[in-house]
N, C-alpha and C. Protein backbone atom coordinates (compact mmCIF):
# COMPACT_ATOMS: atom_id res chain seq x y z
N MET A 1 71.18 4.16 -12.65
CA MET A 1 71.27 3.24 -11.54
C MET A 1 70.46 3.80 -10.37
N ILE A 2 69.69 2.94 -9.73
CA ILE A 2 68.85 3.32 -8.61
C ILE A 2 69.57 2.97 -7.32
N THR A 3 69.67 3.96 -6.44
CA THR A 3 70.28 3.74 -5.13
C THR A 3 69.18 3.70 -4.08
N ILE A 4 69.18 2.65 -3.29
CA ILE A 4 68.19 2.50 -2.23
C ILE A 4 68.89 2.67 -0.89
N LYS A 5 68.38 3.60 -0.09
CA LYS A 5 68.96 3.83 1.24
C LYS A 5 68.08 3.15 2.28
N PHE A 6 68.73 2.50 3.22
CA PHE A 6 68.02 1.83 4.31
C PHE A 6 67.86 2.81 5.46
N ASN A 7 66.63 3.06 5.84
CA ASN A 7 66.34 3.98 6.94
C ASN A 7 66.10 3.15 8.20
N ILE A 8 67.06 3.20 9.12
CA ILE A 8 66.98 2.36 10.32
C ILE A 8 65.82 2.78 11.22
N ALA A 9 65.52 4.07 11.28
CA ALA A 9 64.41 4.53 12.12
C ALA A 9 63.08 4.01 11.58
N ALA A 10 62.90 4.03 10.28
CA ALA A 10 61.67 3.52 9.68
C ALA A 10 61.56 2.01 9.90
N ALA A 11 62.67 1.30 9.84
CA ALA A 11 62.66 -0.15 10.07
C ALA A 11 62.28 -0.46 11.52
N GLU A 12 62.79 0.33 12.46
CA GLU A 12 62.45 0.12 13.87
C GLU A 12 60.97 0.37 14.12
N ILE A 13 60.44 1.43 13.55
CA ILE A 13 59.03 1.76 13.73
C ILE A 13 58.15 0.68 13.10
N ALA A 14 58.50 0.25 11.91
CA ALA A 14 57.71 -0.79 11.24
C ALA A 14 57.76 -2.10 12.02
N GLY A 15 58.90 -2.45 12.58
CA GLY A 15 59.01 -3.66 13.38
C GLY A 15 58.20 -3.57 14.65
N ALA A 16 58.24 -2.41 15.30
CA ALA A 16 57.48 -2.24 16.54
C ALA A 16 55.98 -2.29 16.28
N VAL A 17 55.54 -1.65 15.21
CA VAL A 17 54.11 -1.67 14.87
C VAL A 17 53.67 -3.09 14.51
N GLY A 18 54.48 -3.80 13.75
CA GLY A 18 54.16 -5.18 13.39
C GLY A 18 54.09 -6.09 14.61
N PHE A 19 55.01 -5.92 15.54
CA PHE A 19 55.01 -6.72 16.76
C PHE A 19 53.81 -6.40 17.63
N ALA A 20 53.45 -5.11 17.70
CA ALA A 20 52.29 -4.71 18.50
C ALA A 20 51.01 -5.28 17.90
N ILE A 21 50.92 -5.31 16.59
CA ILE A 21 49.75 -5.90 15.93
C ILE A 21 49.68 -7.40 16.21
N ALA A 22 50.81 -8.08 16.17
CA ALA A 22 50.84 -9.51 16.45
C ALA A 22 50.43 -9.80 17.89
N LEU A 23 50.89 -8.97 18.82
CA LEU A 23 50.50 -9.13 20.22
C LEU A 23 49.01 -8.90 20.40
N ARG A 24 48.47 -7.89 19.73
CA ARG A 24 47.03 -7.58 19.83
C ARG A 24 46.20 -8.73 19.26
N VAL A 25 46.59 -9.26 18.12
CA VAL A 25 45.85 -10.36 17.49
C VAL A 25 45.89 -11.60 18.39
N ALA A 26 47.05 -11.90 18.95
CA ALA A 26 47.15 -13.07 19.85
C ALA A 26 46.30 -12.86 21.09
N GLY A 27 46.26 -11.63 21.60
CA GLY A 27 45.42 -11.35 22.76
C GLY A 27 43.94 -11.47 22.45
N ILE A 28 43.54 -11.00 21.27
CA ILE A 28 42.13 -11.10 20.86
C ILE A 28 41.73 -12.55 20.66
N ILE A 29 42.61 -13.36 20.09
CA ILE A 29 42.32 -14.79 19.92
C ILE A 29 42.20 -15.45 21.29
N ASN A 30 42.98 -14.98 22.26
CA ASN A 30 42.97 -15.56 23.60
C ASN A 30 41.67 -15.25 24.35
N MET A 31 41.03 -14.12 24.06
CA MET A 31 39.85 -13.69 24.82
C MET A 31 38.66 -14.65 24.72
N PRO A 32 38.16 -15.01 23.53
CA PRO A 32 36.97 -15.87 23.49
C PRO A 32 37.25 -17.34 23.83
N SER A 33 38.44 -17.81 23.56
CA SER A 33 38.77 -19.21 23.84
C SER A 33 39.57 -19.26 25.14
N LYS A 34 38.88 -19.53 26.23
CA LYS A 34 39.48 -19.45 27.57
C LYS A 34 40.65 -20.39 27.77
N GLY A 35 40.66 -21.53 27.12
CA GLY A 35 41.73 -22.50 27.33
C GLY A 35 42.95 -22.25 26.46
N TYR A 36 42.86 -21.29 25.56
CA TYR A 36 43.96 -21.03 24.62
C TYR A 36 45.12 -20.36 25.34
N ARG A 37 46.26 -21.00 25.35
CA ARG A 37 47.47 -20.41 25.90
C ARG A 37 48.62 -20.72 24.96
N SER A 38 49.20 -19.71 24.38
CA SER A 38 50.31 -19.98 23.47
C SER A 38 51.63 -19.58 24.12
N ILE A 39 52.68 -20.10 23.61
CA ILE A 39 54.01 -19.77 24.10
C ILE A 39 54.28 -18.28 23.91
N PHE A 40 53.76 -17.74 22.81
CA PHE A 40 53.93 -16.31 22.52
C PHE A 40 53.38 -15.45 23.66
N LEU A 41 52.17 -15.74 24.11
CA LEU A 41 51.57 -14.95 25.19
C LEU A 41 52.27 -15.19 26.52
N ASP A 42 52.82 -16.38 26.72
CA ASP A 42 53.53 -16.66 27.96
C ASP A 42 54.87 -15.93 28.03
N LEU A 43 55.46 -15.61 26.88
CA LEU A 43 56.74 -14.92 26.85
C LEU A 43 56.60 -13.40 26.90
N MET A 44 55.43 -12.87 26.67
CA MET A 44 55.25 -11.42 26.60
C MET A 44 55.57 -10.67 27.89
N PRO A 45 55.31 -11.22 29.06
CA PRO A 45 55.70 -10.48 30.27
C PRO A 45 57.21 -10.22 30.37
N SER A 46 58.03 -11.06 29.75
CA SER A 46 59.47 -10.82 29.77
C SER A 46 59.87 -9.69 28.83
N VAL A 47 59.03 -9.40 27.84
CA VAL A 47 59.31 -8.31 26.90
C VAL A 47 58.66 -7.02 27.36
N TYR A 48 57.39 -7.10 27.73
CA TYR A 48 56.63 -5.92 28.16
C TYR A 48 56.33 -6.04 29.65
N THR A 49 56.97 -5.19 30.44
CA THR A 49 56.72 -5.19 31.88
C THR A 49 55.30 -4.75 32.14
N GLY A 50 54.58 -5.50 32.95
CA GLY A 50 53.21 -5.17 33.28
C GLY A 50 52.17 -5.85 32.41
N TYR A 51 52.60 -6.55 31.35
CA TYR A 51 51.65 -7.27 30.50
C TYR A 51 51.24 -8.55 31.20
N LYS A 52 49.93 -8.81 31.23
CA LYS A 52 49.41 -10.04 31.83
C LYS A 52 48.29 -10.55 30.96
N ALA A 53 48.43 -11.74 30.41
CA ALA A 53 47.35 -12.35 29.64
C ALA A 53 46.40 -13.04 30.61
N SER A 54 45.12 -12.79 30.47
CA SER A 54 44.15 -13.42 31.36
C SER A 54 44.01 -14.88 30.98
N LYS A 55 43.80 -15.72 31.98
CA LYS A 55 43.69 -17.16 31.75
C LYS A 55 42.26 -17.55 31.59
């Protein structure tokens, strides 16, 4: 029988890295298309203090 242990620290790190990648991709998509504004980018200042997406 195989026992699988859930590592909470590894899950937190993987989630943070995945979220950071998603934020980076959304920011890169926002750069060339000046009119692009998504709800995701509008909510980021509430999660990350000091984050500002350029309009």
